């Protein structure tokens, strides 16, 4: 997920920054939900819309986490 970033820095930010922790937890939840959708052989249009929404939320969260990491 956060390839190329020192794991020690990530761990420090997780300890120090509540927003980062929340974003990381949300990211993991989105990942699990997306995996469930990806396991479906066929999706309804509502499921496809929800999958796209989750992908966008996951990407927004990742972008925010990277911004926070750059500050450290």
N, C-alpha and C. Protein backbone atom coordinates (compact mmCIF):
# COMPACT_ATOMS: atom_id res chain seq x y z
N UNK A 1 0.83 -1.19 0.00
CA UNK A 1 0.00 0.00 0.00
C UNK A 1 0.87 1.25 0.00
N UNK A 2 1.77 1.35 0.93
CA UNK A 2 2.64 2.52 1.02
C UNK A 2 4.07 2.08 0.69
N UNK A 3 4.23 1.52 -0.50
CA UNK A 3 5.52 1.00 -0.93
C UNK A 3 6.55 2.11 -1.02
N UNK A 4 7.77 1.76 -0.69
CA UNK A 4 8.87 2.70 -0.80
C UNK A 4 9.02 3.62 0.40
N UNK A 5 8.19 3.46 1.41
CA UNK A 5 8.28 4.29 2.60
C UNK A 5 8.75 3.43 3.75
N UNK A 6 9.72 3.92 4.47
CA UNK A 6 10.31 3.18 5.58
C UNK A 6 9.24 2.79 6.59
N UNK A 7 9.20 1.51 6.95
CA UNK A 7 8.18 1.03 7.87
C UNK A 7 8.33 1.66 9.25
N UNK A 8 9.54 2.04 9.63
CA UNK A 8 9.75 2.70 10.92
C UNK A 8 9.04 4.05 10.94
N UNK A 9 9.09 4.76 9.83
CA UNK A 9 8.41 6.05 9.73
C UNK A 9 6.90 5.84 9.82
N UNK A 10 6.39 4.83 9.12
CA UNK A 10 4.96 4.55 9.15
C UNK A 10 4.52 4.22 10.58
N UNK A 11 5.30 3.41 11.27
CA UNK A 11 4.95 3.04 12.65
C UNK A 11 4.96 4.26 13.57
N UNK A 12 5.93 5.15 13.39
CA UNK A 12 6.00 6.36 14.21
C UNK A 12 4.79 7.25 13.95
N UNK A 13 4.43 7.41 12.69
CA UNK A 13 3.28 8.25 12.35
C UNK A 13 1.99 7.63 12.91
N UNK A 14 1.89 6.30 12.86
CA UNK A 14 0.72 5.63 13.43
C UNK A 14 0.59 5.92 14.92
N UNK A 15 1.72 5.97 15.61
CA UNK A 15 1.70 6.26 17.05
C UNK A 15 1.36 7.72 17.32
N UNK A 16 1.87 8.62 16.50
CA UNK A 16 1.79 10.05 16.76
C UNK A 16 0.55 10.74 16.18
N UNK A 17 -0.05 10.17 15.15
CA UNK A 17 -1.07 10.90 14.40
C UNK A 17 -2.37 10.10 14.35
N UNK A 18 -3.38 10.59 15.05
CA UNK A 18 -4.68 9.91 15.11
C UNK A 18 -5.36 9.90 13.74
N UNK A 19 -5.23 10.97 12.99
CA UNK A 19 -5.85 11.02 11.67
C UNK A 19 -5.27 9.92 10.77
N UNK A 20 -3.96 9.76 10.82
CA UNK A 20 -3.31 8.73 10.02
C UNK A 20 -3.81 7.34 10.40
N UNK A 21 -3.92 7.10 11.71
CA UNK A 21 -4.42 5.79 12.17
C UNK A 21 -5.82 5.53 11.64
N UNK A 22 -6.68 6.54 11.71
CA UNK A 22 -8.05 6.39 11.20
C UNK A 22 -8.08 6.14 9.71
N UNK A 23 -7.25 6.86 8.97
CA UNK A 23 -7.18 6.67 7.53
C UNK A 23 -6.68 5.27 7.18
N UNK A 24 -5.71 4.79 7.93
CA UNK A 24 -5.16 3.46 7.69
C UNK A 24 -6.20 2.38 7.96
N UNK A 25 -6.95 2.54 9.04
CA UNK A 25 -8.01 1.57 9.35
C UNK A 25 -9.09 1.59 8.27
N UNK A 26 -9.48 2.78 7.84
CA UNK A 26 -10.49 2.90 6.79
C UNK A 26 -9.98 2.27 5.49
N UNK A 27 -8.71 2.50 5.19
CA UNK A 27 -8.11 1.95 3.98
C UNK A 27 -8.18 0.42 3.99
N UNK A 28 -7.89 -0.17 5.14
CA UNK A 28 -7.94 -1.63 5.27
C UNK A 28 -9.37 -2.14 5.13
N UNK A 29 -10.34 -1.41 5.67
CA UNK A 29 -11.74 -1.80 5.53
C UNK A 29 -12.19 -1.72 4.08
N UNK A 30 -11.80 -0.65 3.40
CA UNK A 30 -12.15 -0.52 1.98
C UNK A 30 -11.53 -1.66 1.18
N UNK A 31 -10.31 -2.01 1.50
CA UNK A 31 -9.63 -3.10 0.81
C UNK A 31 -10.39 -4.41 0.97
N UNK A 32 -10.86 -4.69 2.18
CA UNK A 32 -11.61 -5.91 2.44
C UNK A 32 -12.95 -5.90 1.68
N UNK A 33 -13.62 -4.76 1.68
CA UNK A 33 -14.90 -4.66 0.97
C UNK A 33 -14.70 -4.81 -0.53
N UNK A 34 -13.63 -4.22 -1.05
CA UNK A 34 -13.35 -4.34 -2.48
C UNK A 34 -13.01 -5.78 -2.85
N UNK A 35 -12.31 -6.47 -1.97
CA UNK A 35 -11.99 -7.87 -2.23
C UNK A 35 -13.26 -8.70 -2.35
N UNK A 36 -14.24 -8.41 -1.51
CA UNK A 36 -15.52 -9.13 -1.57
C UNK A 36 -16.22 -8.86 -2.90
N UNK A 37 -16.19 -7.62 -3.36
CA UNK A 37 -16.80 -7.30 -4.65
C UNK A 37 -16.03 -7.95 -5.80
N UNK A 38 -14.73 -7.98 -5.69
CA UNK A 38 -13.91 -8.57 -6.75
C UNK A 38 -14.10 -10.07 -6.85
N UNK A 39 -14.54 -10.70 -5.77
CA UNK A 39 -14.79 -12.14 -5.78
C UNK A 39 -16.10 -12.50 -6.48
N UNK A 40 -16.96 -11.52 -6.67
CA UNK A 40 -18.24 -11.78 -7.33
C UNK A 40 -18.02 -12.04 -8.82
N UNK A 41 -18.70 -13.03 -9.32
CA UNK A 41 -18.58 -13.34 -10.75
C UNK A 41 -19.28 -12.27 -11.59
N UNK A 42 -20.46 -11.87 -11.13
CA UNK A 42 -21.23 -10.81 -11.80
C UNK A 42 -21.69 -9.81 -10.74
N UNK A 43 -21.71 -8.54 -11.12
CA UNK A 43 -22.16 -7.50 -10.20
C UNK A 43 -23.37 -6.78 -10.79
N UNK A 44 -24.28 -6.41 -9.90
CA UNK A 44 -25.39 -5.56 -10.34
C UNK A 44 -24.84 -4.16 -10.57
N UNK A 45 -25.63 -3.32 -11.20
CA UNK A 45 -25.16 -1.96 -11.43
C UNK A 45 -24.94 -1.23 -10.10
N UNK A 46 -25.76 -1.52 -9.09
CA UNK A 46 -25.59 -0.90 -7.77
C UNK A 46 -24.28 -1.35 -7.13
N UNK A 47 -23.97 -2.63 -7.28
CA UNK A 47 -22.71 -3.13 -6.73
C UNK A 47 -21.50 -2.52 -7.43
N UNK A 48 -21.61 -2.36 -8.73
CA UNK A 48 -20.52 -1.74 -9.50
C UNK A 48 -20.32 -0.29 -9.07
N UNK A 49 -21.40 0.44 -8.85
CA UNK A 49 -21.32 1.83 -8.40
C UNK A 49 -20.67 1.89 -7.02
N UNK A 50 -21.08 0.99 -6.13
CA UNK A 50 -20.50 0.96 -4.79
C UNK A 50 -19.02 0.61 -4.84
N UNK A 51 -18.65 -0.32 -5.71
CA UNK A 51 -17.23 -0.69 -5.85
C UNK A 51 -16.41 0.51 -6.31
N UNK A 52 -16.92 1.25 -7.27
CA UNK A 52 -16.22 2.45 -7.76
C UNK A 52 -16.11 3.50 -6.65
N UNK A 53 -17.18 3.65 -5.87
CA UNK A 53 -17.17 4.61 -4.76
C UNK A 53 -16.10 4.23 -3.74
N UNK A 54 -16.02 2.94 -3.42
CA UNK A 54 -15.01 2.47 -2.46
C UNK A 54 -13.60 2.68 -3.00
N UNK A 55 -13.41 2.45 -4.29
CA UNK A 55 -12.10 2.67 -4.89
C UNK A 55 -11.67 4.13 -4.77
N UNK A 56 -12.61 5.03 -5.00
CA UNK A 56 -12.31 6.46 -4.89
C UNK A 56 -11.98 6.86 -3.46
N UNK A 57 -12.77 6.34 -2.51
CA UNK A 57 -12.50 6.64 -1.10
C UNK A 57 -11.13 6.11 -0.67
N UNK A 58 -10.82 4.92 -1.12
CA UNK A 58 -9.54 4.31 -0.79
C UNK A 58 -8.38 5.15 -1.35
N UNK A 59 -8.52 5.59 -2.58
CA UNK A 59 -7.48 6.41 -3.21
C UNK A 59 -7.34 7.77 -2.51
N UNK A 60 -8.46 8.39 -2.16
CA UNK A 60 -8.40 9.67 -1.45
C UNK A 60 -7.70 9.50 -0.10
N UNK A 61 -8.01 8.42 0.59
CA UNK A 61 -7.37 8.15 1.87
C UNK A 61 -5.88 7.92 1.72
N UNK A 62 -5.50 7.18 0.69
CA UNK A 62 -4.08 6.92 0.45
C UNK A 62 -3.34 8.22 0.15
N UNK A 63 -3.95 9.07 -0.67
CA UNK A 63 -3.33 10.36 -0.98
C UNK A 63 -3.13 11.19 0.28
N UNK A 64 -4.11 11.19 1.16
CA UNK A 64 -4.00 11.96 2.41
C UNK A 64 -2.93 11.35 3.31
N UNK A 65 -2.86 10.02 3.37
CA UNK A 65 -1.81 9.37 4.18
C UNK A 65 -0.43 9.72 3.66
N UNK A 66 -0.27 9.74 2.34
CA UNK A 66 1.03 10.10 1.77
C UNK A 66 1.39 11.55 2.09
N UNK A 67 0.40 12.43 2.09
CA UNK A 67 0.64 13.83 2.45
C UNK A 67 1.11 13.93 3.90
N UNK A 68 0.46 13.18 4.79
CA UNK A 68 0.86 13.18 6.20
C UNK A 68 2.26 12.62 6.36
N UNK A 69 2.57 11.55 5.65
CA UNK A 69 3.91 10.95 5.75
C UNK A 69 5.00 11.90 5.25
N UNK A 70 4.69 12.69 4.24
CA UNK A 70 5.68 13.63 3.72
C UNK A 70 6.04 14.70 4.73
N UNK A 71 5.15 14.96 5.66
CA UNK A 71 5.40 15.96 6.68
C UNK A 71 6.37 15.47 7.75
N UNK A 72 6.56 14.16 7.83
CA UNK A 72 7.47 13.60 8.84
C UNK A 72 8.87 13.43 8.32
